[in-house]
Amino acid sequence: MTGVDILQKSDQDRFLLSRYGVLYYWRRVPKALAEIDGRAPIIRHSLKTDDLAKARAQRDVLEKADNQL
């Protein structure tokens, strides 16, 4: 067991990764944008919570900002 779980049960858990109980926003940067996004190739951001509802809300904010970028 690695302690890492990608939550793929449904679309509502998209871009969420659980590491040892802490939830992360985890997303690949498209190749076309990799040169202008310093976080490439993968965005990893700790949501500093183990509460799935809070993580989903924080993920929605980060996802919206990344989509606008």
N, C-alpha and C. Protein backbone atom coordinates (compact mmCIF):
# COMPACT_ATOMS: atom_id res chain seq x y z
N MET A 1 0.84 -1.19 0.00
CA MET A 1 0.00 0.00 0.00
C MET A 1 0.88 1.24 0.00
N THR A 2 0.61 2.16 -0.91
CA THR A 2 1.46 3.33 -1.06
C THR A 2 0.96 4.54 -0.28
N GLY A 3 -0.29 4.53 0.13
CA GLY A 3 -0.84 5.68 0.82
C GLY A 3 -1.38 6.73 -0.12
N VAL A 4 -1.38 6.45 -1.43
CA VAL A 4 -1.85 7.40 -2.43
C VAL A 4 -3.07 6.81 -3.14
N ASP A 5 -4.15 7.56 -3.17
CA ASP A 5 -5.36 7.12 -3.86
C ASP A 5 -5.87 8.26 -4.72
N ILE A 6 -6.06 7.99 -6.00
CA ILE A 6 -6.69 8.96 -6.87
C ILE A 6 -8.18 8.67 -6.82
N LEU A 7 -8.95 9.66 -6.42
CA LEU A 7 -10.39 9.48 -6.28
C LEU A 7 -11.04 9.58 -7.65
N GLN A 8 -11.44 8.43 -8.21
CA GLN A 8 -12.05 8.42 -9.54
C GLN A 8 -13.42 7.77 -9.52
N LYS A 9 -14.06 7.77 -8.39
CA LYS A 9 -15.36 7.13 -8.27
C LYS A 9 -16.41 7.85 -9.11
N SER A 10 -16.26 9.14 -9.25
CA SER A 10 -17.22 9.91 -10.02
C SER A 10 -16.57 11.22 -10.47
N ASP A 11 -17.28 11.92 -11.35
CA ASP A 11 -16.78 13.19 -11.84
C ASP A 11 -16.70 14.24 -10.74
N GLN A 12 -17.48 14.07 -9.68
CA GLN A 12 -17.45 15.05 -8.59
C GLN A 12 -16.13 15.01 -7.85
N ASP A 13 -15.34 13.96 -8.03
CA ASP A 13 -14.04 13.86 -7.37
C ASP A 13 -12.88 14.06 -8.35
N ARG A 14 -13.17 14.66 -9.51
CA ARG A 14 -12.12 14.88 -10.50
C ARG A 14 -11.02 15.77 -9.91
N PHE A 15 -9.81 15.48 -10.30
CA PHE A 15 -8.61 16.24 -9.90
C PHE A 15 -8.29 16.14 -8.41
N LEU A 16 -8.89 15.19 -7.70
CA LEU A 16 -8.58 15.03 -6.28
C LEU A 16 -7.72 13.78 -6.07
N LEU A 17 -6.74 13.93 -5.23
CA LEU A 17 -5.82 12.85 -4.89
C LEU A 17 -5.69 12.81 -3.37
N SER A 18 -5.75 11.62 -2.81
CA SER A 18 -5.61 11.47 -1.37
C SER A 18 -4.24 10.85 -1.08
N ARG A 19 -3.47 11.54 -0.25
CA ARG A 19 -2.16 11.03 0.19
C ARG A 19 -2.16 10.98 1.70
N TYR A 20 -2.16 9.77 2.22
CA TYR A 20 -2.14 9.56 3.66
C TYR A 20 -3.23 10.36 4.37
N GLY A 21 -4.40 10.43 3.74
CA GLY A 21 -5.55 11.09 4.35
C GLY A 21 -5.70 12.57 4.03
N VAL A 22 -4.68 13.19 3.44
CA VAL A 22 -4.74 14.60 3.07
C VAL A 22 -5.11 14.69 1.59
N LEU A 23 -6.05 15.55 1.27
CA LEU A 23 -6.50 15.68 -0.11
C LEU A 23 -5.71 16.75 -0.86
N TYR A 24 -5.43 16.46 -2.12
CA TYR A 24 -4.66 17.33 -2.99
C TYR A 24 -5.44 17.61 -4.26
N TYR A 25 -5.23 18.78 -4.82
CA TYR A 25 -5.69 19.12 -6.18
C TYR A 25 -4.56 18.67 -7.08
N TRP A 26 -4.85 17.78 -8.02
CA TRP A 26 -3.84 17.17 -8.87
C TRP A 26 -4.34 17.19 -10.29
N ARG A 27 -3.57 17.81 -11.20
CA ARG A 27 -4.03 17.97 -12.58
C ARG A 27 -2.84 18.12 -13.51
N ARG A 28 -2.94 17.52 -14.67
CA ARG A 28 -1.90 17.66 -15.68
C ARG A 28 -2.07 18.99 -16.42
N VAL A 29 -0.95 19.58 -16.79
CA VAL A 29 -0.96 20.80 -17.60
C VAL A 29 -0.92 20.35 -19.06
N PRO A 30 -1.81 20.87 -19.92
CA PRO A 30 -1.78 20.50 -21.33
C PRO A 30 -0.42 20.83 -21.96
N LYS A 31 0.04 19.96 -22.85
CA LYS A 31 1.35 20.16 -23.47
C LYS A 31 1.46 21.52 -24.16
N ALA A 32 0.37 21.98 -24.74
CA ALA A 32 0.38 23.26 -25.45
C ALA A 32 0.64 24.43 -24.50
N LEU A 33 0.36 24.25 -23.21
CA LEU A 33 0.54 25.32 -22.24
C LEU A 33 1.74 25.11 -21.32
N ALA A 34 2.41 24.00 -21.48
CA ALA A 34 3.51 23.64 -20.56
C ALA A 34 4.62 24.69 -20.54
N GLU A 35 4.90 25.32 -21.66
CA GLU A 35 5.99 26.30 -21.73
C GLU A 35 5.66 27.59 -20.98
N ILE A 36 4.38 27.91 -20.85
CA ILE A 36 4.02 29.17 -20.18
C ILE A 36 3.53 28.95 -18.75
N ASP A 37 3.34 27.69 -18.36
CA ASP A 37 2.89 27.39 -17.00
C ASP A 37 4.03 26.71 -16.25
N GLY A 38 4.61 27.42 -15.30
CA GLY A 38 5.76 26.92 -14.56
C GLY A 38 5.46 25.72 -13.68
N ARG A 39 4.20 25.37 -13.52
CA ARG A 39 3.84 24.21 -12.70
C ARG A 39 3.86 22.91 -13.49
N ALA A 40 4.07 22.99 -14.81
CA ALA A 40 4.03 21.83 -15.69
C ALA A 40 5.09 20.82 -15.29
N PRO A 41 4.91 19.55 -15.53
CA PRO A 41 3.79 18.93 -16.25
C PRO A 41 2.57 18.62 -15.38
N ILE A 42 2.73 18.66 -14.06
CA ILE A 42 1.60 18.33 -13.18
C ILE A 42 1.44 19.39 -12.10
N ILE A 43 0.22 19.83 -11.91
CA ILE A 43 -0.12 20.75 -10.83
C ILE A 43 -0.45 19.90 -9.61
N ARG A 44 0.22 20.15 -8.51
CA ARG A 44 -0.07 19.47 -7.25
C ARG A 44 -0.19 20.54 -6.18
N HIS A 45 -1.33 20.57 -5.53
CA HIS A 45 -1.56 21.59 -4.51
C HIS A 45 -2.29 20.96 -3.33
N SER A 46 -1.69 21.00 -2.15
CA SER A 46 -2.33 20.45 -0.97
C SER A 46 -3.53 21.30 -0.59
N LEU A 47 -4.65 20.64 -0.36
CA LEU A 47 -5.85 21.33 0.09
C LEU A 47 -5.91 21.39 1.61
N LYS A 48 -4.94 20.77 2.26
CA LYS A 48 -4.76 20.80 3.71
C LYS A 48 -6.03 20.43 4.48
N THR A 49 -6.72 19.42 3.96
CA THR A 49 -7.92 18.93 4.62
C THR A 49 -8.10 17.46 4.31
N ASP A 50 -8.83 16.79 5.19
CA ASP A 50 -9.23 15.41 4.91
C ASP A 50 -10.75 15.34 4.69
N ASP A 51 -11.39 16.50 4.71
CA ASP A 51 -12.83 16.61 4.51
C ASP A 51 -13.12 16.72 3.02
N LEU A 52 -13.80 15.71 2.48
CA LEU A 52 -14.06 15.66 1.04
C LEU A 52 -14.91 16.83 0.55
N ALA A 53 -15.89 17.25 1.32
CA ALA A 53 -16.74 18.37 0.91
C ALA A 53 -15.94 19.67 0.82
N LYS A 54 -15.07 19.92 1.81
CA LYS A 54 -14.22 21.11 1.76
C LYS A 54 -13.25 21.03 0.60
N ALA A 55 -12.69 19.85 0.36
CA ALA A 55 -11.74 19.66 -0.73
C ALA A 55 -12.42 19.92 -2.08
N ARG A 56 -13.63 19.44 -2.25
CA ARG A 56 -14.35 19.67 -3.51
C ARG A 56 -14.58 21.16 -3.74
N ALA A 57 -14.93 21.90 -2.69
CA ALA A 57 -15.16 23.34 -2.82
C ALA A 57 -13.87 24.06 -3.19
N GLN A 58 -12.77 23.71 -2.54
CA GLN A 58 -11.48 24.33 -2.85
C GLN A 58 -11.03 23.95 -4.25
N ARG A 59 -11.25 22.69 -4.63
CA ARG A 59 -10.90 22.23 -5.98
C ARG A 59 -11.66 23.02 -7.04
N ASP A 60 -12.94 23.29 -6.80
CA ASP A 60 -13.74 24.04 -7.77
C ASP A 60 -13.16 25.42 -8.02
N VAL A 61 -12.69 26.08 -6.97
CA VAL A 61 -12.09 27.41 -7.11
C VAL A 61 -10.79 27.31 -7.92
N LEU A 62 -9.94 26.34 -7.58
CA LEU A 62 -8.67 26.18 -8.30
C LEU A 62 -8.90 25.76 -9.75
N GLU A 63 -9.86 24.87 -9.97
CA GLU A 63 -10.16 24.41 -11.33
C GLU A 63 -10.65 25.57 -12.20
N LYS A 64 -11.52 26.41 -11.65
CA LYS A 64 -12.03 27.55 -12.40
C LYS A 64 -10.89 28.51 -12.78
N ALA A 65 -9.99 28.76 -11.84
CA ALA A 65 -8.85 29.65 -12.12
C ALA A 65 -7.94 29.05 -13.19
N ASP A 66 -7.68 27.75 -13.11
CA ASP A 66 -6.83 27.12 -14.12
C ASP A 66 -7.50 27.11 -15.48
N ASN A 67 -8.79 26.88 -15.53
CA ASN A 67 -9.51 26.89 -16.81
C ASN A 67 -9.48 28.28 -17.45
N GLN A 68 -9.54 29.33 -16.64
CA GLN A 68 -9.48 30.69 -17.16
C GLN A 68 -8.09 31.02 -17.67
N LEU A 69 -7.07 30.44 -17.01
CA LEU A 69 -5.69 30.67 -17.44
C LEU A 69 -5.48 30.09 -18.82
